[in-house]
Amino acid sequence: MMRQVFAHLDGQHVYLFTGAHAFYESLGFKRQGTGMALVVGSWLHNATR
């Protein structure tokens, strides 16, 4: 389900507050501060659209 969501978020920074660290790390998220972060695709790739 998360990969389907990511398909619509190219170039976006996704930040989650979660306790399910192992699950989200398996999807590529990195621990950052008090949550988990992931940039989908290339950062700000769709900024000019």
N, C-alpha and C. Protein backbone atom coordinates (compact mmCIF):
# COMPACT_ATOMS: atom_id res chain seq x y z
N MET A 1 0.82 -1.18 0.00
CA MET A 1 0.00 0.00 0.00
C MET A 1 0.88 1.26 0.00
N MET A 2 1.94 1.26 0.79
CA MET A 2 2.82 2.43 0.84
C MET A 2 3.49 2.69 -0.51
N ARG A 3 3.89 1.65 -1.21
CA ARG A 3 4.52 1.83 -2.53
C ARG A 3 3.53 2.44 -3.52
N GLN A 4 2.26 2.12 -3.40
CA GLN A 4 1.24 2.73 -4.27
C GLN A 4 1.10 4.21 -3.95
N VAL A 5 1.17 4.57 -2.69
CA VAL A 5 1.13 5.97 -2.30
C VAL A 5 2.35 6.70 -2.85
N PHE A 6 3.53 6.09 -2.72
CA PHE A 6 4.77 6.72 -3.20
C PHE A 6 4.71 7.02 -4.69
N ALA A 7 3.99 6.21 -5.45
CA ALA A 7 3.89 6.42 -6.90
C ALA A 7 3.29 7.79 -7.23
N HIS A 8 2.59 8.39 -6.29
CA HIS A 8 1.96 9.69 -6.51
C HIS A 8 2.68 10.83 -5.79
N LEU A 9 3.85 10.53 -5.21
CA LEU A 9 4.56 11.52 -4.40
C LEU A 9 5.97 11.81 -4.91
N ASP A 10 6.23 11.64 -6.21
CA ASP A 10 7.57 11.84 -6.74
C ASP A 10 8.09 13.24 -6.39
N GLY A 11 9.27 13.28 -5.82
CA GLY A 11 9.91 14.54 -5.47
C GLY A 11 9.49 15.10 -4.12
N GLN A 12 8.73 14.34 -3.36
CA GLN A 12 8.23 14.85 -2.08
C GLN A 12 9.01 14.24 -0.91
N HIS A 13 9.12 15.01 0.15
CA HIS A 13 9.73 14.58 1.40
C HIS A 13 8.61 14.07 2.29
N VAL A 14 8.68 12.80 2.68
CA VAL A 14 7.66 12.19 3.52
C VAL A 14 8.24 12.01 4.91
N TYR A 15 7.55 12.49 5.93
CA TYR A 15 8.02 12.40 7.31
C TYR A 15 6.90 11.81 8.16
N LEU A 16 7.20 10.75 8.89
CA LEU A 16 6.20 10.06 9.69
C LEU A 16 6.60 10.05 11.16
N PHE A 17 5.63 10.13 12.01
CA PHE A 17 5.82 9.91 13.44
C PHE A 17 5.25 8.53 13.72
N THR A 18 6.11 7.57 14.03
CA THR A 18 5.67 6.19 14.16
C THR A 18 6.57 5.43 15.13
N GLY A 19 6.06 4.38 15.66
CA GLY A 19 6.85 3.48 16.48
C GLY A 19 7.24 2.22 15.71
N ALA A 20 6.77 2.09 14.48
CA ALA A 20 7.03 0.91 13.66
C ALA A 20 8.30 1.10 12.83
N HIS A 21 9.41 1.35 13.51
CA HIS A 21 10.66 1.68 12.82
C HIS A 21 11.13 0.60 11.86
N ALA A 22 11.11 -0.65 12.28
CA ALA A 22 11.61 -1.74 11.42
C ALA A 22 10.82 -1.81 10.11
N PHE A 23 9.50 -1.67 10.19
CA PHE A 23 8.67 -1.73 8.98
C PHE A 23 9.04 -0.61 8.02
N TYR A 24 9.09 0.63 8.51
CA TYR A 24 9.36 1.76 7.62
C TYR A 24 10.81 1.79 7.15
N GLU A 25 11.74 1.30 7.95
CA GLU A 25 13.12 1.18 7.48
C GLU A 25 13.19 0.20 6.31
N SER A 26 12.37 -0.84 6.33
CA SER A 26 12.36 -1.80 5.22
C SER A 26 11.86 -1.17 3.92
N LEU A 27 11.15 -0.03 4.03
CA LEU A 27 10.66 0.70 2.86
C LEU A 27 11.62 1.82 2.44
N GLY A 28 12.73 1.97 3.17
CA GLY A 28 13.71 2.98 2.80
C GLY A 28 13.73 4.21 3.69
N PHE A 29 12.84 4.30 4.67
CA PHE A 29 12.84 5.44 5.58
C PHE A 29 14.06 5.38 6.49
N LYS A 30 14.54 6.56 6.88
CA LYS A 30 15.66 6.69 7.82
C LYS A 30 15.16 7.41 9.05
N ARG A 31 15.68 7.01 10.20
CA ARG A 31 15.32 7.72 11.43
C ARG A 31 15.89 9.13 11.36
N GLN A 32 15.06 10.09 11.68
CA GLN A 32 15.48 11.49 11.63
C GLN A 32 14.73 12.23 12.73
N GLY A 33 15.46 12.72 13.70
CA GLY A 33 14.82 13.42 14.81
C GLY A 33 13.88 12.49 15.55
N THR A 34 12.62 12.89 15.68
CA THR A 34 11.64 12.09 16.41
C THR A 34 10.78 11.23 15.49
N GLY A 35 11.12 11.17 14.20
CA GLY A 35 10.31 10.41 13.26
C GLY A 35 11.15 9.66 12.25
N MET A 36 10.52 9.37 11.11
CA MET A 36 11.15 8.65 10.01
C MET A 36 10.97 9.48 8.75
N ALA A 37 12.04 9.59 7.94
CA ALA A 37 12.01 10.43 6.74
C ALA A 37 12.38 9.65 5.49
N LEU A 38 11.79 10.06 4.37
CA LEU A 38 12.08 9.47 3.07
C LEU A 38 11.80 10.51 2.00
N VAL A 39 12.72 10.64 1.05
CA VAL A 39 12.46 11.45 -0.14
C VAL A 39 12.09 10.48 -1.24
N VAL A 40 10.91 10.66 -1.82
CA VAL A 40 10.41 9.77 -2.87
C VAL A 40 10.94 10.28 -4.20
N GLY A 41 11.68 9.43 -4.92
CA GLY A 41 12.26 9.84 -6.20
C GLY A 41 13.35 10.86 -5.99
N SER A 42 13.35 11.93 -6.77
CA SER A 42 14.34 13.00 -6.68
C SER A 42 13.71 14.20 -5.97
N TRP A 43 14.41 14.75 -5.01
CA TRP A 43 13.91 15.88 -4.21
C TRP A 43 13.43 17.02 -5.10
N LEU A 44 12.23 17.46 -4.92
CA LEU A 44 11.59 18.54 -5.64
C LEU A 44 11.55 18.33 -7.16
N HIS A 45 11.54 17.09 -7.57
CA HIS A 45 11.50 16.73 -8.99
C HIS A 45 10.30 17.35 -9.69
N ASN A 46 9.17 17.42 -9.02
CA ASN A 46 7.95 17.90 -9.67
C ASN A 46 7.67 19.36 -9.35
N ALA A 47 8.63 20.12 -8.83
CA ALA A 47 8.41 21.50 -8.42
C ALA A 47 8.02 22.42 -9.57
N THR A 48 8.38 22.09 -10.80
CA THR A 48 8.08 22.96 -11.94
C THR A 48 6.81 22.55 -12.67
N ARG A 49 6.13 21.53 -12.21
CA ARG A 49 4.90 21.06 -12.87
C ARG A 49 3.72 21.87 -12.46
